[in-house]
């Protein structure tokens, strides 16, 4: 005579029960941790925005953010406006930094008008316009915060990634790469061109800031191409806004 525990129905009921129990536990922890996760995302985005406009704690070679305990206060000090651009409409929104770029890109693919966040910062009497952008690297998403002046000349940038190769594509978040963008022009003869990550760039010291190129990272061609495409496609969407700055 077989035991009840040997039957298929018992196995199915046991497995179903375990799935329900484990699911409930995971849902509980996800709910309990959500405020902490959301707060960490808020802090990280504020740190990235500030970093791009040169408000950071960098040493000679390393990229160092404003510390978590100070970032909210510093963000309020340096970021004077948070804008949302949607088509021809521009509005202020104090939570613009929380806009999900991935969701907005999906909406655009569906034919809807996406929202473009833009942050206006001021430091030492200078105005910065910081745009968050998102694209695709070799393995997964890459993203950046690019600070510009009114002429779309880059004043600073912070790059990051989800899963690029360590020591190769992952180096987009290293100081030597990010600092190359400072002073680079996004326009060429009045038209938007972007900035290419180029293996054939004949400017190893990056002294020519009007060539719309920076040196590529060795062994990271596809990541570099993804960054180039991201800059070109995403920052081009802000051109109409910058044109209005010149006419006002």
Foldseek 3Di string as FASTA:
>chain_A
DDDPCPDPVNVVVVVVVVVVVVVVVVVVVCVVCVVVVVLVLVLVLLQQQCVFLPNADDDPWFGGTDDSVCSVVVSPVWWPFKWKDWPPDIDTDPCLSVDDQVVQVVCVVVVHTGIWIWTWTDDPRFIWIWGKWWWAFDPGIKIKIFIAHLQQQTQWMAIAGDDDDPPFLRCCRTPVNGVLSHRAHQDDPRHGDAAAQDCPDPCQVSPDRDPSYDHHTPPRVRRRRGVRVGRRPPVNVCVVVSVVVVVD
